[in-house]
Amino acid sequence: MGLLDNVLGAVMGAQGQQHANQGVDLGSLIGMVANNPQMLSAITSMLSNDGAHGGLGGLVDKFQQAGLGNVIGSWVGTGANQPVSGDQLTQVLGGDTMADLARQMGLNSNDMASQLSHILPGVIDQLTPHGQAPSAGLGNSGDLMGMLGGLLAK
């Protein structure tokens, strides 16, 4: 089984129980991402080395500055992923950034933040399978878009 299969399996399985307990249908969210290139673009923008946030390292820095370093650290690490709320994600990324992402998606900011808060932990968790962020980051947007697109196509 390849990395992309592992990512999808873990996002669907490992987090499924947590999200089921919260009343969230993760399968529907993954389906929405698979059919919505803008969500893929938003995730790529956050995680790619040439993205708006300075890649995974830049995103980790933003979480640390917001006092949530332990949350994103749990996604990168090998233990259980700590949840993040949409409000916390908006705090990390900034209200203007979340509003821009929401506008691109045709959503309101709260819905965008909520959807990202359910998807981002599993994606980061599986892109860092050894409990560490790659020293060179996750690659540029083209590389990451290809990986995520392939993941969601399966």
C-alpha atoms as a PDB file:
ATOM      1  CA  MET A   1       0.000   0.000   0.000  1.00  0.00           C
ATOM      2  CA  GLY A   2       1.442   3.373  -1.004  1.00  0.00           C
ATOM      3  CA  LEU A   3       1.766   6.587   0.966  1.00  0.00           C
ATOM      4  CA  LEU A   4      -1.366   8.053  -0.574  1.00  0.00           C
ATOM      5  CA  ASP A   5      -3.391   4.970   0.346  1.00  0.00           C
ATOM      6  CA  ASN A   6      -2.004   5.201   3.871  1.00  0.00           C
ATOM      7  CA  VAL A   7      -2.960   8.865   4.149  1.00  0.00           C
ATOM      8  CA  LEU A   8      -6.532   8.278   3.050  1.00  0.00           C
ATOM      9  CA  GLY A   9      -6.868   5.164   5.195  1.00  0.00           C
ATOM     10  CA  ALA A  10      -5.608   6.928   8.283  1.00  0.00           C
ATOM     11  CA  VAL A  11      -7.688  10.044   7.707  1.00  0.00           C
ATOM     12  CA  MET A  12     -10.787   7.902   7.229  1.00  0.00           C
ATOM     13  CA  GLY A  13     -10.019   5.280   9.883  1.00  0.00           C
ATOM     14  CA  ALA A  14      -7.853   6.657  12.651  1.00  0.00           C
ATOM     15  CA  GLN A  15      -9.834   9.847  12.966  1.00  0.00           C
ATOM     16  CA  GLY A  16     -13.189   8.350  12.067  1.00  0.00           C
ATOM     17  CA  GLN A  17     -14.057   7.402  15.628  1.00  0.00           C
ATOM     18  CA  GLN A  18     -13.090  10.804  16.999  1.00  0.00           C
ATOM     19  CA  HIS A  19     -15.174  12.586  14.367  1.00  0.00           C
ATOM     20  CA  ALA A  20     -18.061  10.150  14.673  1.00  0.00           C
ATOM     21  CA  ASN A  21     -18.249  10.990  18.350  1.00  0.00           C
ATOM     22  CA  GLN A  22     -18.459  14.656  17.392  1.00  0.00           C
ATOM     23  CA  GLY A  23     -21.249  13.983  14.889  1.00  0.00           C
ATOM     24  CA  VAL A  24     -19.051  14.746  11.871  1.00  0.00           C
ATOM     25  CA  ASP A  25     -19.290  12.605   8.758  1.00  0.00           C
ATOM     26  CA  LEU A  26     -15.630  12.542   7.745  1.00  0.00           C
ATOM     27  CA  GLY A  27     -16.413  10.545   4.616  1.00  0.00           C
ATOM     28  CA  SER A  28     -18.563  13.426   3.381  1.00  0.00           C
ATOM     29  CA  LEU A  29     -15.766  15.895   4.098  1.00  0.00           C
ATOM     30  CA  ILE A  30     -13.234  13.798   2.200  1.00  0.00           C
ATOM     31  CA  GLY A  31     -15.723  13.500  -0.652  1.00  0.00           C
ATOM     32  CA  MET A  32     -16.154  17.257  -0.664  1.00  0.00           C
ATOM     33  CA  VAL A  33     -12.408  17.776  -0.847  1.00  0.00           C
ATOM     34  CA  ALA A  34     -12.090  15.212  -3.633  1.00  0.00           C
ATOM     35  CA  ASN A  35     -14.661  17.087  -5.685  1.00  0.00           C
ATOM     36  CA  ASN A  36     -13.490  20.576  -4.796  1.00  0.00           C
ATOM     37  CA  PRO A  37     -10.119  21.654  -6.154  1.00  0.00           C
ATOM     38  CA  GLN A  38     -10.284  24.853  -4.126  1.00  0.00           C
ATOM     39  CA  MET A  39     -10.053  22.884  -0.850  1.00  0.00           C
ATOM     40  CA  LEU A  40      -7.096  21.021  -2.279  1.00  0.00           C
ATOM     41  CA  SER A  41      -5.572  24.365  -3.189  1.00  0.00           C
ATOM     42  CA  ALA A  42      -6.158  25.717   0.331  1.00  0.00           C
ATOM     43  CA  ILE A  43      -4.463  22.729   1.935  1.00  0.00           C
ATOM     44  CA  THR A  44      -1.592  22.928  -0.543  1.00  0.00           C
ATOM     45  CA  SER A  45      -1.179  26.637   0.169  1.00  0.00           C
ATOM     46  CA  MET A  46      -0.800  25.912   3.860  1.00  0.00           C
ATOM     47  CA  LEU A  47       1.646  23.025   3.575  1.00  0.00           C
ATOM     48  CA  SER A  48       3.799  23.613   0.496  1.00  0.00           C
ATOM     49  CA  ASN A  49       7.226  25.172   0.774  1.00  0.00           C
ATOM     50  CA  ASP A  50       6.261  27.873  -1.724  1.00  0.00           C
ATOM     51  CA  GLY A  51       2.842  28.502  -0.163  1.00  0.00           C
ATOM     52  CA  ALA A  52       1.517  31.536   1.630  1.00  0.00           C
ATOM     53  CA  HIS A  53       2.396  30.228   5.088  1.00  0.00           C
ATOM     54  CA  GLY A  54       5.976  29.123   4.535  1.00  0.00           C
ATOM     55  CA  GLY A  55       5.224  25.427   4.294  1.00  0.00           C
ATOM     56  CA  LEU A  56       4.735  23.029   7.144  1.00  0.00           C
ATOM     57  CA  GLY A  57       7.540  24.707   9.109  1.00  0.00           C
ATOM     58  CA  GLY A  58       5.864  28.088   8.781  1.00  0.00           C
ATOM     59  CA  LEU A  59       2.529  26.629   9.825  1.00  0.00           C
ATOM     60  CA  VAL A  60       4.173  25.015  12.866  1.00  0.00           C
ATOM     61  CA  ASP A  61       5.647  28.429  13.755  1.00  0.00           C
ATOM     62  CA  LYS A  62       2.207  30.069  13.482  1.00  0.00           C
ATOM     63  CA  PHE A  63       0.682  27.432  15.759  1.00  0.00           C
ATOM     64  CA  GLN A  64       3.494  27.958  18.277  1.00  0.00           C
ATOM     65  CA  GLN A  65       3.030  31.734  18.199  1.00  0.00           C
ATOM     66  CA  ALA A  66      -0.684  31.223  18.892  1.00  0.00           C
ATOM     67  CA  GLY A  67       0.128  28.991  21.889  1.00  0.00           C
ATOM     68  CA  LEU A  68      -0.995  25.851  20.039  1.00  0.00           C
ATOM     69  CA  GLY A  69       2.386  24.297  19.268  1.00  0.00           C
ATOM     70  CA  ASN A  70       1.408  21.164  21.173  1.00  0.00           C
ATOM     71  CA  VAL A  71      -1.637  20.701  18.919  1.00  0.00           C
ATOM     72  CA  ILE A  72       0.211  20.713  15.600  1.00  0.00           C
ATOM     73  CA  GLY A  73       3.064  18.849  17.282  1.00  0.00           C
ATOM     74  CA  SER A  74       0.646  16.009  17.964  1.00  0.00           C
ATOM     75  CA  TRP A  75      -0.271  15.856  14.253  1.00  0.00           C
ATOM     76  CA  VAL A  76       3.386  15.646  13.240  1.00  0.00           C
ATOM     77  CA  GLY A  77       4.275  13.285  16.083  1.00  0.00           C
ATOM     78  CA  THR A  78       3.470   9.601  16.318  1.00  0.00           C
ATOM     79  CA  GLY A  79       0.855   9.780  19.085  1.00  0.00           C
ATOM     80  CA  ALA A  80      -2.811  10.650  18.973  1.00  0.00           C
ATOM     81  CA  ASN A  81      -3.796  13.825  17.150  1.00  0.00           C
ATOM     82  CA  GLN A  82      -5.153  16.597  19.324  1.00  0.00           C
ATOM     83  CA  PRO A  83      -8.224  18.311  17.878  1.00  0.00           C
ATOM     84  CA  VAL A  84      -8.270  21.916  16.746  1.00  0.00           C
ATOM     85  CA  SER A  85     -11.393  24.030  16.552  1.00  0.00           C
ATOM     86  CA  GLY A  86     -12.312  26.245  13.651  1.00  0.00           C
ATOM     87  CA  ASP A  87     -11.878  29.260  15.935  1.00  0.00           C
ATOM     88  CA  GLN A  88      -8.374  28.148  16.880  1.00  0.00           C
ATOM     89  CA  LEU A  89      -7.471  27.599  13.233  1.00  0.00           C
ATOM     90  CA  THR A  90      -8.749  31.082  12.406  1.00  0.00           C
ATOM     91  CA  GLN A  91      -6.625  32.448  15.269  1.00  0.00           C
ATOM     92  CA  VAL A  92      -3.559  30.722  13.817  1.00  0.00           C
ATOM     93  CA  LEU A  93      -4.088  31.680  10.179  1.00  0.00           C
ATOM     94  CA  GLY A  94      -5.716  35.045  10.788  1.00  0.00           C
ATOM     95  CA  GLY A  95      -9.237  36.180  10.085  1.00  0.00           C
ATOM     96  CA  ASP A  96      -8.351  37.794   6.758  1.00  0.00           C
ATOM     97  CA  THR A  97      -6.682  34.619   5.493  1.00  0.00           C
ATOM     98  CA  MET A  98      -9.643  32.496   6.559  1.00  0.00           C
ATOM     99  CA  ALA A  99     -12.059  34.958   4.916  1.00  0.00           C
ATOM    100  CA  ASP A 100     -10.046  34.814   1.675  1.00  0.00           C
ATOM    101  CA  LEU A 101     -10.055  31.002   1.720  1.00  0.00           C
ATOM    102  CA  ALA A 102     -13.775  30.961   2.449  1.00  0.00           C
ATOM    103  CA  ARG A 103     -14.491  33.369  -0.382  1.00  0.00           C
ATOM    104  CA  GLN A 104     -12.559  31.150  -2.805  1.00  0.00           C
ATOM    105  CA  MET A 105     -14.637  28.187  -1.659  1.00  0.00           C
ATOM    106  CA  GLY A 106     -17.967  29.986  -1.663  1.00  0.00           C
ATOM    107  CA  LEU A 107     -18.341  29.383   2.077  1.00  0.00           C
ATOM    108  CA  ASN A 108     -18.530  31.580   5.111  1.00  0.00           C
ATOM    109  CA  SER A 109     -15.417  31.789   7.268  1.00  0.00           C
ATOM    110  CA  ASN A 110     -16.830  29.616  10.051  1.00  0.00           C
ATOM    111  CA  ASP A 111     -17.708  26.773   7.665  1.00  0.00           C
ATOM    112  CA  MET A 112     -14.299  26.968   6.007  1.00  0.00           C
ATOM    113  CA  ALA A 113     -12.503  26.906   9.352  1.00  0.00           C
ATOM    114  CA  SER A 114     -14.624  24.001  10.547  1.00  0.00           C
ATOM    115  CA  GLN A 115     -13.938  21.918   7.452  1.00  0.00           C
ATOM    116  CA  LEU A 116     -10.206  22.604   7.602  1.00  0.00           C
ATOM    117  CA  SER A 117     -10.125  21.762  11.301  1.00  0.00           C
ATOM    118  CA  HIS A 118     -11.418  18.274  10.534  1.00  0.00           C
ATOM    119  CA  ILE A 119      -9.201  17.559   7.540  1.00  0.00           C
ATOM    120  CA  LEU A 120      -5.857  19.226   8.273  1.00  0.00           C
ATOM    121  CA  PRO A 121      -4.797  17.134  11.313  1.00  0.00           C
ATOM    122  CA  GLY A 122      -5.093  13.831   9.437  1.00  0.00           C
ATOM    123  CA  VAL A 123      -3.363  15.124   6.331  1.00  0.00           C
ATOM    124  CA  ILE A 124      -0.410  16.484   8.317  1.00  0.00           C
ATOM    125  CA  ASP A 125      -0.274  13.318  10.420  1.00  0.00           C
ATOM    126  CA  GLN A 126       0.062  11.092   7.387  1.00  0.00           C
ATOM    127  CA  LEU A 127       2.480  13.362   5.538  1.00  0.00           C
ATOM    128  CA  THR A 128       4.809  13.059   8.549  1.00  0.00           C
ATOM    129  CA  PRO A 129       4.676   9.282   9.169  1.00  0.00           C
ATOM    130  CA  HIS A 130       7.920   9.123  11.150  1.00  0.00           C
ATOM    131  CA  GLY A 131       6.871  11.740  13.682  1.00  0.00           C
ATOM    132  CA  GLN A 132       9.023  14.497  12.215  1.00  0.00           C
ATOM    133  CA  ALA A 133       8.562  17.130   9.567  1.00  0.00           C
ATOM    134  CA  PRO A 134      10.960  16.536   6.678  1.00  0.00           C
ATOM    135  CA  SER A 135      13.923  18.908   6.997  1.00  0.00           C
ATOM    136  CA  ALA A 136      13.338  20.157   3.443  1.00  0.00           C
ATOM    137  CA  GLY A 137       9.590  20.542   4.015  1.00  0.00           C
ATOM    138  CA  LEU A 138       6.847  18.770   2.108  1.00  0.00           C
ATOM    139  CA  GLY A 139       7.844  20.103  -1.310  1.00  0.00           C
ATOM    140  CA  ASN A 140       6.546  22.828  -3.556  1.00  0.00           C
ATOM    141  CA  SER A 141       2.886  23.333  -4.409  1.00  0.00           C
ATOM    142  CA  GLY A 142       3.080  21.252  -7.587  1.00  0.00           C
ATOM    143  CA  ASP A 143       4.557  18.264  -5.755  1.00  0.00           C
ATOM    144  CA  LEU A 144       2.104  18.512  -2.884  1.00  0.00           C
ATOM    145  CA  MET A 145      -0.913  19.127  -5.132  1.00  0.00           C
ATOM    146  CA  GLY A 146      -0.008  15.972  -7.051  1.00  0.00           C
ATOM    147  CA  MET A 147       0.298  13.937  -3.864  1.00  0.00           C
ATOM    148  CA  LEU A 148      -2.958  15.235  -2.395  1.00  0.00           C
ATOM    149  CA  GLY A 149      -4.791  14.975  -5.709  1.00  0.00           C
ATOM    150  CA  GLY A 150      -3.721  11.377  -6.102  1.00  0.00           C
ATOM    151  CA  LEU A 151      -4.740  10.654  -2.532  1.00  0.00           C
ATOM    152  CA  LEU A 152      -8.206  12.044  -2.960  1.00  0.00           C
ATOM    153  CA  ALA A 153      -8.708  10.463  -6.385  1.00  0.00           C
ATOM    154  CA  LYS A 154      -8.419   7.041  -4.759  1.00  0.00           C
END
